[in-house]
């Protein structure tokens, strides 16, 4: 049931600049938040993965404004650093989801990937995405049941 784990290596490649993935994701996230870098915009800003990415970016920008735009401060470290890896992951998940759709991958595989992503930040998808624990469990069961005959 670890359908998202194949993308973890990609996250580390994105995130690692100075030997540690935390440093990479922190650096990329801070560059995005201060506006130095931009990622390609979501093709469908209404899909759950785009909304997740947009929400985390917004949260980070709000925290940066609270830190008076100073991205080398204790407040930045306290409020934004814990958000860095989830933000980079959310961007990667959204891009991977869009690529899978564009490549016309089997919807059963996309559904399994999607529930794996949702489980990575289950709290956000419950609070902001409106998915209860029972709904997420049912989504996972349906995705697994759909793929099982192909195994």
C-alpha atoms as a PDB file:
ATOM      1  CA  UNK A   1       0.000   0.000   0.000  1.00  0.00           C
ATOM      2  CA  UNK A   2       2.992   2.316  -0.320  1.00  0.00           C
ATOM      3  CA  UNK A   3       2.162   3.599  -3.779  1.00  0.00           C
ATOM      4  CA  UNK A   4       3.807   6.948  -3.166  1.00  0.00           C
ATOM      5  CA  UNK A   5       7.120   5.545  -1.956  1.00  0.00           C
ATOM      6  CA  UNK A   6       8.516   5.292  -5.488  1.00  0.00           C
ATOM      7  CA  UNK A   7       8.470   9.072  -5.653  1.00  0.00           C
ATOM      8  CA  UNK A   8      10.480   9.500  -2.446  1.00  0.00           C
ATOM      9  CA  UNK A   9      13.779   9.307  -4.333  1.00  0.00           C
ATOM     10  CA  UNK A  10      12.612  12.079  -6.612  1.00  0.00           C
ATOM     11  CA  UNK A  11      11.857  14.237  -3.586  1.00  0.00           C
ATOM     12  CA  UNK A  12      15.346  13.694  -2.242  1.00  0.00           C
ATOM     13  CA  UNK A  13      16.855  14.659  -5.586  1.00  0.00           C
ATOM     14  CA  UNK A  14      14.766  17.829  -5.553  1.00  0.00           C
ATOM     15  CA  UNK A  15      15.439  18.491  -1.934  1.00  0.00           C
ATOM     16  CA  UNK A  16      19.123  17.643  -1.499  1.00  0.00           C
ATOM     17  CA  UNK A  17      21.572  20.389  -2.295  1.00  0.00           C
ATOM     18  CA  UNK A  18      24.031  20.234   0.593  1.00  0.00           C
ATOM     19  CA  UNK A  19      23.938  16.519   1.546  1.00  0.00           C
ATOM     20  CA  UNK A  20      20.752  16.527   3.604  1.00  0.00           C
ATOM     21  CA  UNK A  21      17.222  16.442   2.249  1.00  0.00           C
ATOM     22  CA  UNK A  22      16.060  18.845   4.945  1.00  0.00           C
ATOM     23  CA  UNK A  23      18.560  21.435   3.746  1.00  0.00           C
ATOM     24  CA  UNK A  24      17.435  20.977   0.141  1.00  0.00           C
ATOM     25  CA  UNK A  25      13.746  21.238   0.819  1.00  0.00           C
ATOM     26  CA  UNK A  26      14.340  24.170   3.146  1.00  0.00           C
ATOM     27  CA  UNK A  27      16.360  25.984   0.521  1.00  0.00           C
ATOM     28  CA  UNK A  28      13.875  25.342  -2.286  1.00  0.00           C
ATOM     29  CA  UNK A  29      10.909  26.208  -0.073  1.00  0.00           C
ATOM     30  CA  UNK A  30      12.472  29.452   1.141  1.00  0.00           C
ATOM     31  CA  UNK A  31      13.388  30.466  -2.430  1.00  0.00           C
ATOM     32  CA  UNK A  32       9.799  29.828  -3.518  1.00  0.00           C
ATOM     33  CA  UNK A  33       8.354  31.735  -0.574  1.00  0.00           C
ATOM     34  CA  UNK A  34      10.522  34.808  -1.065  1.00  0.00           C
ATOM     35  CA  UNK A  35       9.669  34.774  -4.770  1.00  0.00           C
ATOM     36  CA  UNK A  36      13.134  34.051  -6.142  1.00  0.00           C
ATOM     37  CA  UNK A  37      11.948  30.831  -7.829  1.00  0.00           C
ATOM     38  CA  UNK A  38       8.620  29.784  -9.281  1.00  0.00           C
ATOM     39  CA  UNK A  39       7.267  26.368 -10.091  1.00  0.00           C
ATOM     40  CA  UNK A  40       5.016  25.757 -13.094  1.00  0.00           C
ATOM     41  CA  UNK A  41       1.476  26.696 -12.065  1.00  0.00           C
ATOM     42  CA  UNK A  42      -1.110  23.945 -11.589  1.00  0.00           C
ATOM     43  CA  UNK A  43      -2.962  22.998 -14.746  1.00  0.00           C
ATOM     44  CA  UNK A  44      -6.118  22.473 -12.696  1.00  0.00           C
ATOM     45  CA  UNK A  45      -6.044  24.617  -9.550  1.00  0.00           C
ATOM     46  CA  UNK A  46      -9.176  22.860  -8.292  1.00  0.00           C
ATOM     47  CA  UNK A  47      -7.792  19.329  -8.021  1.00  0.00           C
ATOM     48  CA  UNK A  48      -6.986  18.301  -4.435  1.00  0.00           C
ATOM     49  CA  UNK A  49      -3.218  18.181  -4.988  1.00  0.00           C
ATOM     50  CA  UNK A  50      -3.154  21.676  -6.469  1.00  0.00           C
ATOM     51  CA  UNK A  51      -5.244  22.965  -3.571  1.00  0.00           C
ATOM     52  CA  UNK A  52      -2.856  21.305  -1.112  1.00  0.00           C
ATOM     53  CA  UNK A  53       0.161  22.927  -2.768  1.00  0.00           C
ATOM     54  CA  UNK A  54      -1.520  26.343  -2.972  1.00  0.00           C
ATOM     55  CA  UNK A  55      -2.593  26.107   0.668  1.00  0.00           C
ATOM     56  CA  UNK A  56       0.903  25.255   1.929  1.00  0.00           C
ATOM     57  CA  UNK A  57       2.433  28.039  -0.188  1.00  0.00           C
ATOM     58  CA  UNK A  58      -0.091  30.479   1.226  1.00  0.00           C
ATOM     59  CA  UNK A  59       0.595  29.303   4.770  1.00  0.00           C
ATOM     60  CA  UNK A  60       4.331  29.739   4.224  1.00  0.00           C
ATOM     61  CA  UNK A  61       3.943  33.203   2.713  1.00  0.00           C
ATOM     62  CA  UNK A  62       1.749  34.273   5.622  1.00  0.00           C
ATOM     63  CA  UNK A  63       4.388  33.024   8.062  1.00  0.00           C
ATOM     64  CA  UNK A  64       7.094  34.847   6.107  1.00  0.00           C
ATOM     65  CA  UNK A  65       5.080  38.082   6.289  1.00  0.00           C
ATOM     66  CA  UNK A  66       4.722  37.564  10.045  1.00  0.00           C
ATOM     67  CA  UNK A  67       8.513  37.271  10.185  1.00  0.00           C
ATOM     68  CA  UNK A  68       8.618  40.636   8.375  1.00  0.00           C
ATOM     69  CA  UNK A  69      10.072  38.961   5.279  1.00  0.00           C
ATOM     70  CA  UNK A  70      13.282  38.043   7.068  1.00  0.00           C
ATOM     71  CA  UNK A  71      14.095  34.544   5.911  1.00  0.00           C
ATOM     72  CA  UNK A  72      17.137  34.159   8.143  1.00  0.00           C
ATOM     73  CA  UNK A  73      15.611  34.455  11.585  1.00  0.00           C
ATOM     74  CA  UNK A  74      14.521  32.379  14.561  1.00  0.00           C
ATOM     75  CA  UNK A  75      10.897  33.003  13.709  1.00  0.00           C
ATOM     76  CA  UNK A  76      11.453  31.765  10.151  1.00  0.00           C
ATOM     77  CA  UNK A  77      13.211  28.682  11.503  1.00  0.00           C
ATOM     78  CA  UNK A  78      10.402  27.998  13.957  1.00  0.00           C
ATOM     79  CA  UNK A  79       7.421  28.638  11.676  1.00  0.00           C
ATOM     80  CA  UNK A  80       8.568  27.881   8.146  1.00  0.00           C
ATOM     81  CA  UNK A  81      11.249  25.194   8.354  1.00  0.00           C
ATOM     82  CA  UNK A  82       8.758  22.526   9.496  1.00  0.00           C
ATOM     83  CA  UNK A  83       6.655  23.408   6.441  1.00  0.00           C
ATOM     84  CA  UNK A  84       9.533  23.121   3.947  1.00  0.00           C
ATOM     85  CA  UNK A  85       9.538  19.377   3.228  1.00  0.00           C
ATOM     86  CA  UNK A  86       5.724  19.041   3.115  1.00  0.00           C
ATOM     87  CA  UNK A  87       5.628  21.994   0.693  1.00  0.00           C
ATOM     88  CA  UNK A  88       8.248  20.497  -1.636  1.00  0.00           C
ATOM     89  CA  UNK A  89       6.472  17.136  -1.467  1.00  0.00           C
ATOM     90  CA  UNK A  90       3.100  18.753  -2.246  1.00  0.00           C
ATOM     91  CA  UNK A  91       4.564  20.409  -5.333  1.00  0.00           C
ATOM     92  CA  UNK A  92       6.075  17.119  -6.477  1.00  0.00           C
ATOM     93  CA  UNK A  93       2.855  15.213  -5.844  1.00  0.00           C
ATOM     94  CA  UNK A  94       0.852  17.708  -7.873  1.00  0.00           C
ATOM     95  CA  UNK A  95       3.304  17.604 -10.771  1.00  0.00           C
ATOM     96  CA  UNK A  96       3.420  13.780 -10.712  1.00  0.00           C
ATOM     97  CA  UNK A  97      -0.381  13.578 -10.640  1.00  0.00           C
ATOM     98  CA  UNK A  98      -0.676  15.932 -13.619  1.00  0.00           C
ATOM     99  CA  UNK A  99       1.984  13.989 -15.534  1.00  0.00           C
ATOM    100  CA  UNK A 100       0.193  10.690 -14.865  1.00  0.00           C
ATOM    101  CA  UNK A 101      -3.060  12.140 -16.167  1.00  0.00           C
ATOM    102  CA  UNK A 102      -1.390  13.601 -19.263  1.00  0.00           C
ATOM    103  CA  UNK A 103       0.291  10.253 -19.971  1.00  0.00           C
ATOM    104  CA  UNK A 104      -3.114   8.559 -19.765  1.00  0.00           C
ATOM    105  CA  UNK A 105      -1.925   6.101 -17.145  1.00  0.00           C
ATOM    106  CA  UNK A 106      -4.429   3.552 -15.971  1.00  0.00           C
ATOM    107  CA  UNK A 107      -6.892   5.314 -13.681  1.00  0.00           C
ATOM    108  CA  UNK A 108      -6.540   2.469 -11.165  1.00  0.00           C
ATOM    109  CA  UNK A 109      -2.843   3.291 -10.755  1.00  0.00           C
ATOM    110  CA  UNK A 110      -3.568   6.999 -10.476  1.00  0.00           C
ATOM    111  CA  UNK A 111      -6.201   6.313  -7.810  1.00  0.00           C
ATOM    112  CA  UNK A 112      -3.739   4.219  -5.792  1.00  0.00           C
ATOM    113  CA  UNK A 113      -1.115   6.943  -6.094  1.00  0.00           C
ATOM    114  CA  UNK A 114      -3.668   9.568  -5.083  1.00  0.00           C
ATOM    115  CA  UNK A 115      -4.698   7.839  -1.873  1.00  0.00           C
ATOM    116  CA  UNK A 116      -1.046   7.297  -0.992  1.00  0.00           C
ATOM    117  CA  UNK A 117      -0.431  11.017  -1.393  1.00  0.00           C
ATOM    118  CA  UNK A 118      -3.503  11.866   0.655  1.00  0.00           C
ATOM    119  CA  UNK A 119      -2.284   9.625   3.475  1.00  0.00           C
ATOM    120  CA  UNK A 120       1.059  11.483   3.508  1.00  0.00           C
ATOM    121  CA  UNK A 121      -0.694  14.612   4.870  1.00  0.00           C
ATOM    122  CA  UNK A 122      -3.887  13.062   6.142  1.00  0.00           C
ATOM    123  CA  UNK A 123      -4.609  15.915   8.542  1.00  0.00           C
ATOM    124  CA  UNK A 124      -4.619  18.547   5.791  1.00  0.00           C
ATOM    125  CA  UNK A 125      -6.936  16.478   3.604  1.00  0.00           C
ATOM    126  CA  UNK A 126      -9.287  16.039   6.565  1.00  0.00           C
ATOM    127  CA  UNK A 127      -9.230  19.681   7.673  1.00  0.00           C
ATOM    128  CA  UNK A 128      -9.020  21.455   4.309  1.00  0.00           C
ATOM    129  CA  UNK A 129     -10.056  18.786   1.818  1.00  0.00           C
ATOM    130  CA  UNK A 130     -13.068  17.540   3.736  1.00  0.00           C
ATOM    131  CA  UNK A 131     -12.053  13.865   3.607  1.00  0.00           C
ATOM    132  CA  UNK A 132     -12.962  11.970   6.745  1.00  0.00           C
ATOM    133  CA  UNK A 133     -10.862   9.064   7.941  1.00  0.00           C
ATOM    134  CA  UNK A 134     -13.623   6.673   6.873  1.00  0.00           C
ATOM    135  CA  UNK A 135     -13.701   8.216   3.394  1.00  0.00           C
ATOM    136  CA  UNK A 136      -9.931   7.882   3.041  1.00  0.00           C
ATOM    137  CA  UNK A 137     -10.078   4.257   4.185  1.00  0.00           C
ATOM    138  CA  UNK A 138     -12.805   3.541   1.642  1.00  0.00           C
ATOM    139  CA  UNK A 139     -10.818   5.255  -1.121  1.00  0.00           C
ATOM    140  CA  UNK A 140      -7.811   3.092  -0.297  1.00  0.00           C
ATOM    141  CA  UNK A 141      -9.895  -0.090  -0.222  1.00  0.00           C
ATOM    142  CA  UNK A 142     -11.480   0.714  -3.578  1.00  0.00           C
ATOM    143  CA  UNK A 143      -8.121   1.531  -5.164  1.00  0.00           C
ATOM    144  CA  UNK A 144      -6.543  -1.677  -3.858  1.00  0.00           C
ATOM    145  CA  UNK A 145      -9.530  -3.804  -4.867  1.00  0.00           C
ATOM    146  CA  UNK A 146      -9.427  -2.353  -8.375  1.00  0.00           C
ATOM    147  CA  UNK A 147      -5.720  -3.158  -8.759  1.00  0.00           C
ATOM    148  CA  UNK A 148      -5.754  -6.593  -7.132  1.00  0.00           C
ATOM    149  CA  UNK A 149      -6.942  -8.523 -10.225  1.00  0.00           C
ATOM    150  CA  UNK A 150      -3.991  -7.140 -12.206  1.00  0.00           C
ATOM    151  CA  UNK A 151      -1.403  -8.425  -9.724  1.00  0.00           C
END
